[in-house]
Amino acid sequence: MKSIDSFSYKLGAADCFCEMVRAGVKKIALAHPCDSREERDGFLPEFRKLCEEYGVKLYCEDEGFLTDLFPAALNKDRFNVIFYQEDAVLQEYLALKEEKRKARETGAYTPEKRREIAWRYGKLLSYTDEGIERLLAANRDRED
């Protein structure tokens, strides 16, 4: 049985995500998180080829977006790439991150606001309502 190295596996997943973004199945898609900027940047030449092939764009994420949608350990202090097609969608993502930051700063990051931000993030990822509910219910590793 052949084994697949981690780089090839993550590159294959990115190929799939780019195809889904191009087809309109997903507004944004996340590559697999990397433990270091260097690891993430090692994928960039191949990711750029995928973006050219599929007509999508990428955004290098140096500060993981922590919400209750995913376990905190998945994105905390990790580096990622976001695939997208429309600039407005990337701006919506960045604005949502900024809204969360401001809510935390001002003490307005209530349980209701946490849930709203996680929900809106799930919608940006094009998850179904049921999928978002399932992820929120299953997540036991939440940011402080």
Protein backbone atom coordinates (compact mmCIF):
# COMPACT_ATOMS: atom_id res chain seq x y z
CA MET A 1 0.00 0.00 0.00
CA LYS A 2 1.34 3.44 -0.94
CA SER A 3 1.61 6.14 1.68
CA ILE A 4 0.88 9.78 0.99
CA ASP A 5 3.16 12.38 2.47
CA SER A 6 1.65 15.31 4.37
CA PHE A 7 2.61 17.92 1.76
CA SER A 8 0.91 16.00 -1.05
CA TYR A 9 -2.17 15.34 1.05
CA LYS A 10 -2.58 19.02 1.97
CA LEU A 11 -1.94 20.10 -1.61
CA GLY A 12 -4.60 17.69 -2.86
CA ALA A 13 -7.09 19.06 -0.35
CA ALA A 14 -6.28 22.61 -1.50
CA ASP A 15 -6.93 21.54 -5.10
CA CYS A 16 -10.38 20.34 -4.07
CA PHE A 17 -11.08 23.55 -2.13
CA CYS A 18 -10.08 25.72 -5.10
CA GLU A 19 -12.39 23.72 -7.35
CA MET A 20 -15.26 24.19 -4.89
CA VAL A 21 -14.66 27.94 -4.71
CA ARG A 22 -14.54 28.22 -8.50
CA ALA A 23 -17.77 26.22 -8.82
CA GLY A 24 -19.52 28.48 -6.31
CA VAL A 25 -20.03 25.67 -3.80
CA LYS A 26 -18.01 27.63 -1.22
CA LYS A 27 -17.52 31.39 -0.85
CA ILE A 28 -14.23 30.85 0.97
CA ALA A 29 -12.24 27.76 1.78
CA LEU A 30 -9.38 27.20 4.19
CA ALA A 31 -6.27 25.21 3.47
CA HIS A 32 -5.03 22.96 6.26
CA PRO A 33 -3.52 25.05 9.08
CA CYS A 34 0.27 25.02 9.36
CA ASP A 35 2.38 25.21 12.51
CA SER A 36 4.70 27.89 11.12
CA ARG A 37 4.75 30.65 8.54
CA GLU A 38 7.64 28.84 6.82
CA GLU A 39 5.62 25.64 6.48
CA ARG A 40 2.64 27.56 5.07
CA ASP A 41 4.84 29.58 2.72
CA GLY A 42 6.32 26.34 1.40
CA PHE A 43 2.91 25.61 -0.13
CA LEU A 44 2.50 29.03 -1.77
CA PRO A 45 4.15 28.28 -5.14
CA GLU A 46 1.83 25.28 -5.60
CA PHE A 47 -1.19 27.12 -4.20
CA ARG A 48 -0.58 29.94 -6.68
CA LYS A 49 -0.56 27.43 -9.53
CA LEU A 50 -3.89 26.07 -8.31
CA CYS A 51 -5.33 29.57 -8.08
CA GLU A 52 -4.26 30.29 -11.64
CA GLU A 53 -5.72 27.01 -12.85
CA TYR A 54 -9.08 27.53 -11.11
CA GLY A 55 -9.35 31.31 -11.42
CA VAL A 56 -9.44 31.89 -7.67
CA LYS A 57 -7.37 34.01 -5.31
CA LEU A 58 -5.55 33.37 -2.07
CA TYR A 59 -5.04 35.32 1.11
CA CYS A 60 -2.29 34.42 3.55
CA GLU A 61 -3.72 34.27 7.05
CA ASP A 62 -1.12 34.89 9.74
CA GLU A 63 -3.56 35.13 12.63
CA GLY A 64 -6.05 32.29 12.81
CA PHE A 65 -9.69 33.27 13.22
CA LEU A 66 -10.80 31.64 16.46
CA THR A 67 -14.52 31.11 16.81
CA ASP A 68 -16.63 28.46 18.47
CA LEU A 69 -17.11 26.83 15.08
CA PHE A 70 -13.80 24.94 15.32
CA PRO A 71 -11.64 23.74 18.22
CA ALA A 72 -9.36 26.58 19.30
CA ALA A 73 -6.26 24.37 19.00
CA LEU A 74 -6.95 23.91 15.28
CA ASN A 75 -6.19 27.57 14.47
CA LYS A 76 -4.55 29.15 17.53
CA ASP A 77 -1.02 30.34 16.70
CA ARG A 78 -1.21 28.69 13.28
CA PHE A 79 -0.88 29.93 9.71
CA ASN A 80 -3.26 29.33 6.87
CA VAL A 81 -4.38 30.28 3.39
CA ILE A 82 -7.88 31.33 2.44
CA PHE A 83 -9.09 30.63 -1.09
CA TYR A 84 -11.77 32.92 -2.47
CA GLN A 85 -13.05 34.33 -5.74
CA GLU A 86 -14.75 37.62 -4.93
CA ASP A 87 -12.85 40.43 -3.20
CA ALA A 88 -16.05 41.41 -1.38
CA VAL A 89 -16.14 38.00 0.29
CA LEU A 90 -12.57 38.39 1.56
CA GLN A 91 -13.49 41.84 2.87
CA GLU A 92 -16.51 40.32 4.63
CA TYR A 93 -14.23 37.78 6.31
CA LEU A 94 -11.74 40.45 7.39
CA ALA A 95 -14.56 42.68 8.66
CA LEU A 96 -15.95 39.78 10.71
CA LYS A 97 -12.53 39.23 12.29
CA GLU A 98 -12.31 42.93 13.09
CA GLU A 99 -15.83 42.95 14.54
CA LYS A 100 -14.84 40.12 16.88
CA ARG A 101 -11.63 41.91 17.90
CA LYS A 102 -13.53 45.10 18.73
CA ALA A 103 -16.22 43.19 20.62
CA ARG A 104 -13.54 41.52 22.76
CA GLU A 105 -11.80 44.84 23.38
CA THR A 106 -14.97 46.59 24.50
CA GLY A 107 -16.41 43.73 26.55
CA ALA A 108 -19.21 43.21 24.04
CA TYR A 109 -18.16 39.65 23.21
CA THR A 110 -21.15 38.14 24.96
CA PRO A 111 -22.24 34.53 24.52
CA GLU A 112 -24.80 35.76 21.99
CA LYS A 113 -22.16 37.72 20.04
CA ARG A 114 -19.78 34.71 20.11
CA ARG A 115 -22.47 32.52 18.60
CA GLU A 116 -23.43 35.15 16.01
CA ILE A 117 -19.83 35.56 14.84
CA ALA A 118 -19.27 31.80 14.68
CA TRP A 119 -22.53 31.41 12.77
CA ARG A 120 -21.62 34.12 10.25
CA TYR A 121 -18.20 32.53 9.79
CA GLY A 122 -19.89 29.22 9.06
CA LYS A 123 -22.04 30.94 6.44
CA LEU A 124 -18.92 32.46 4.82
CA LEU A 125 -17.57 28.91 4.62
CA SER A 126 -20.89 27.99 2.94
CA TYR A 127 -21.88 25.50 5.63
CA THR A 128 -25.53 24.56 6.04
CA ASP A 129 -27.45 25.65 9.12
CA GLU A 130 -27.45 22.02 10.27
CA GLY A 131 -23.70 21.75 9.71
CA ILE A 132 -23.04 24.90 11.71
CA GLU A 133 -25.22 23.66 14.57
CA ARG A 134 -23.42 20.31 14.56
CA LEU A 135 -19.98 21.96 14.69
CA LEU A 136 -20.98 24.36 17.45
CA ALA A 137 -22.50 21.56 19.53
CA ALA A 138 -19.49 19.27 19.10
CA ASN A 139 -16.79 21.84 19.91
CA ARG A 140 -15.46 21.44 23.44
CA ASP A 141 -12.16 23.30 22.85
CA ARG A 142 -13.29 26.92 22.92
CA GLU A 143 -11.20 30.05 23.14
CA ASP A 144 -11.09 31.70 26.58
